[in-house]
Amino acid sequence: MEEIFSLIRRLAAEHFYGSITLKFEAGQVVILKKEETIKPNNYRDNRGETLEQENH
């Protein structure tokens, strides 16, 4: 469970846009689904660079 909290803290620190869905079975997390949302006017890749920076 600490791994999940660590992931959430990291995503929050990286200003993640999206959602996390947890699937439980018998009280244990068995699947974690991460969906990322990309805003076209403010696109950031996984390294946090914008398209404008990449095109220069």
C-alpha atoms as a PDB file:
ATOM      1  CA  MET A   1       0.000   0.000   0.000  1.00  0.00           C
ATOM      2  CA  GLU A   2       2.920   2.353   0.686  1.00  0.00           C
ATOM      3  CA  GLU A   3       3.932   2.004  -2.995  1.00  0.00           C
ATOM      4  CA  ILE A   4       0.532   3.385  -4.016  1.00  0.00           C
ATOM      5  CA  PHE A   5       0.835   6.351  -1.639  1.00  0.00           C
ATOM      6  CA  SER A   6       4.339   6.985  -2.949  1.00  0.00           C
ATOM      7  CA  LEU A   7       3.067   6.965  -6.545  1.00  0.00           C
ATOM      8  CA  ILE A   8       0.278   9.406  -5.681  1.00  0.00           C
ATOM      9  CA  ARG A   9       2.708  11.739  -3.895  1.00  0.00           C
ATOM     10  CA  ARG A  10       5.063  11.650  -6.916  1.00  0.00           C
ATOM     11  CA  LEU A  11       2.253  12.356  -9.385  1.00  0.00           C
ATOM     12  CA  ALA A  12       1.020  15.257  -7.255  1.00  0.00           C
ATOM     13  CA  ALA A  13       4.545  16.710  -7.093  1.00  0.00           C
ATOM     14  CA  GLU A  14       4.792  16.431 -10.907  1.00  0.00           C
ATOM     15  CA  HIS A  15       1.443  18.284 -11.350  1.00  0.00           C
ATOM     16  CA  PHE A  16      -0.155  15.205 -12.954  1.00  0.00           C
ATOM     17  CA  TYR A  17      -3.400  15.743 -14.904  1.00  0.00           C
ATOM     18  CA  GLY A  18      -5.578  12.657 -15.006  1.00  0.00           C
ATOM     19  CA  SER A  19      -7.097  10.013 -12.798  1.00  0.00           C
ATOM     20  CA  ILE A  20      -6.107   6.945 -10.799  1.00  0.00           C
ATOM     21  CA  THR A  21      -8.495   4.006 -10.393  1.00  0.00           C
ATOM     22  CA  LEU A  22      -7.808   1.279  -7.834  1.00  0.00           C
ATOM     23  CA  LYS A  23      -9.332  -2.207  -8.047  1.00  0.00           C
ATOM     24  CA  PHE A  24      -9.566  -4.178  -4.813  1.00  0.00           C
ATOM     25  CA  GLU A  25      -9.968  -7.898  -4.297  1.00  0.00           C
ATOM     26  CA  ALA A  26     -10.227  -9.326  -0.780  1.00  0.00           C
ATOM     27  CA  GLY A  27      -9.104  -6.000   0.670  1.00  0.00           C
ATOM     28  CA  GLN A  28      -5.950  -5.808  -1.453  1.00  0.00           C
ATOM     29  CA  VAL A  29      -5.235  -3.494  -4.395  1.00  0.00           C
ATOM     30  CA  VAL A  30      -4.789  -5.803  -7.396  1.00  0.00           C
ATOM     31  CA  ILE A  31      -4.986  -3.306 -10.274  1.00  0.00           C
ATOM     32  CA  LEU A  32      -4.079   0.349 -10.492  1.00  0.00           C
ATOM     33  CA  LYS A  33      -5.180   2.170 -13.643  1.00  0.00           C
ATOM     34  CA  LYS A  34      -3.607   5.534 -14.458  1.00  0.00           C
ATOM     35  CA  GLU A  35      -5.227   7.717 -17.118  1.00  0.00           C
ATOM     36  CA  GLU A  36      -3.344  10.838 -18.141  1.00  0.00           C
ATOM     37  CA  THR A  37      -5.056  13.923 -19.505  1.00  0.00           C
ATOM     38  CA  ILE A  38      -3.169  16.099 -21.966  1.00  0.00           C
ATOM     39  CA  LYS A  39      -4.173  19.724 -22.355  1.00  0.00           C
ATOM     40  CA  PRO A  40      -3.450  20.701 -25.987  1.00  0.00           C
ATOM     41  CA  ASN A  41      -2.557  24.327 -25.196  1.00  0.00           C
ATOM     42  CA  ASN A  42      -0.202  23.408 -22.358  1.00  0.00           C
ATOM     43  CA  TYR A  43       1.204  20.010 -23.346  1.00  0.00           C
ATOM     44  CA  ARG A  44       3.904  18.508 -21.117  1.00  0.00           C
ATOM     45  CA  ASP A  45       5.644  15.226 -21.845  1.00  0.00           C
ATOM     46  CA  ASN A  46       6.883  12.884 -19.114  1.00  0.00           C
ATOM     47  CA  ARG A  47       9.968  15.062 -18.590  1.00  0.00           C
ATOM     48  CA  GLY A  48       7.874  18.185 -18.059  1.00  0.00           C
ATOM     49  CA  GLU A  49       8.979  19.977 -21.234  1.00  0.00           C
ATOM     50  CA  THR A  50       6.450  21.898 -23.307  1.00  0.00           C
ATOM     51  CA  LEU A  51       6.011  21.512 -27.048  1.00  0.00           C
ATOM     52  CA  GLU A  52       7.293  25.037 -27.510  1.00  0.00           C
ATOM     53  CA  GLN A  53      10.563  24.117 -25.808  1.00  0.00           C
ATOM     54  CA  GLU A  54      10.898  20.956 -27.911  1.00  0.00           C
ATOM     55  CA  ASN A  55      10.365  22.810 -31.194  1.00  0.00           C
ATOM     56  CA  HIS A  56      13.124  25.387 -30.547  1.00  0.00           C
END
